[in-house]
Amino acid sequence: MKEKEFVSKYLHKVKEIAKQFKNEELKDKREKERLSGYNNAIVSILKCINPMYEYDLDDEPFDFLHNKGNE
């Protein structure tokens, strides 16, 4: 898997988790904790690839990926 594909995949997962929290779809405390930890781990890995991902996760992720040459 290329870097661009990896980043796109996991940015998508972060957005899915954020949506679940925002829509209050998670009722079970353990599931909330599990997904929160999973989300934090993804962000930590993405920050290792490029520190800007810590701050750009609220932006549309695919716009800035297409112009970075991350292939």
Protein backbone atom coordinates (compact mmCIF):
# COMPACT_ATOMS: atom_id res chain seq x y z
CA MET A 1 0.00 0.00 0.00
CA LYS A 2 1.36 3.39 -0.98
CA GLU A 3 1.55 6.23 1.52
CA LYS A 4 -1.25 8.15 -0.20
CA GLU A 5 -3.58 5.13 -0.03
CA PHE A 6 -2.68 4.45 3.60
CA VAL A 7 -3.33 8.05 4.63
CA SER A 8 -6.60 8.21 2.72
CA LYS A 9 -7.82 4.96 4.27
CA TYR A 10 -7.09 6.01 7.82
CA LEU A 11 -8.28 9.60 7.44
CA HIS A 12 -11.55 8.09 6.30
CA LYS A 13 -11.65 5.89 9.42
CA VAL A 14 -11.01 8.93 11.65
CA LYS A 15 -13.88 10.77 9.98
CA GLU A 16 -16.19 7.75 10.47
CA ILE A 17 -15.33 7.60 14.17
CA ALA A 18 -15.82 11.36 14.57
CA LYS A 19 -19.23 11.06 12.89
CA GLN A 20 -20.26 8.30 15.31
CA PHE A 21 -19.27 10.44 18.29
CA LYS A 22 -20.93 13.55 16.86
CA ASN A 23 -24.19 11.73 16.13
CA GLU A 24 -24.05 10.05 19.55
CA GLU A 25 -24.35 6.63 17.89
CA LEU A 26 -22.12 5.05 20.54
CA LYS A 27 -24.02 4.13 23.67
CA ASP A 28 -21.66 1.60 25.24
CA LYS A 29 -18.89 3.16 27.37
CA ARG A 30 -16.39 0.43 26.45
CA GLU A 31 -17.04 0.92 22.74
CA LYS A 32 -16.51 4.67 23.14
CA GLU A 33 -13.22 4.06 24.93
CA ARG A 34 -12.11 1.52 22.34
CA LEU A 35 -12.87 3.79 19.41
CA SER A 36 -11.32 6.78 21.16
CA GLY A 37 -8.10 4.80 21.63
CA TYR A 38 -8.22 3.57 18.03
CA ASN A 39 -8.72 7.14 16.83
CA ASN A 40 -5.79 8.39 18.92
CA ALA A 41 -3.54 5.63 17.59
CA ILE A 42 -4.44 6.49 13.99
CA VAL A 43 -3.70 10.18 14.58
CA SER A 44 -0.37 9.32 16.20
CA ILE A 45 0.66 7.23 13.20
CA LEU A 46 -0.48 9.89 10.74
CA LYS A 47 1.52 12.51 12.68
CA CYS A 48 4.64 10.36 12.22
CA ILE A 49 4.06 10.44 8.47
CA ASN A 50 3.45 14.17 8.44
CA PRO A 51 2.81 16.38 11.51
CA MET A 52 0.25 18.46 9.58
CA TYR A 53 -2.27 15.62 9.92
CA GLU A 54 -2.73 16.49 13.58
CA TYR A 55 -4.21 19.82 12.52
CA ASP A 56 -5.79 19.05 9.15
CA LEU A 57 -8.12 16.26 10.25
CA ASP A 58 -11.09 18.64 10.30
CA ASP A 59 -10.40 19.74 6.72
CA GLU A 60 -11.46 17.77 3.67
CA PRO A 61 -8.67 15.16 3.69
CA PHE A 62 -8.54 14.31 0.04
CA ASP A 63 -8.00 17.86 -1.24
CA PHE A 64 -4.53 18.30 0.20
CA LEU A 65 -3.46 14.71 -0.54
CA HIS A 66 -3.79 15.00 -4.29
CA ASN A 67 -1.23 17.78 -4.61
CA LYS A 68 1.50 16.54 -2.26
CA GLY A 69 3.18 13.90 -4.45
CA ASN A 70 2.87 11.24 -1.73
CA GLU A 71 3.05 8.32 -4.13
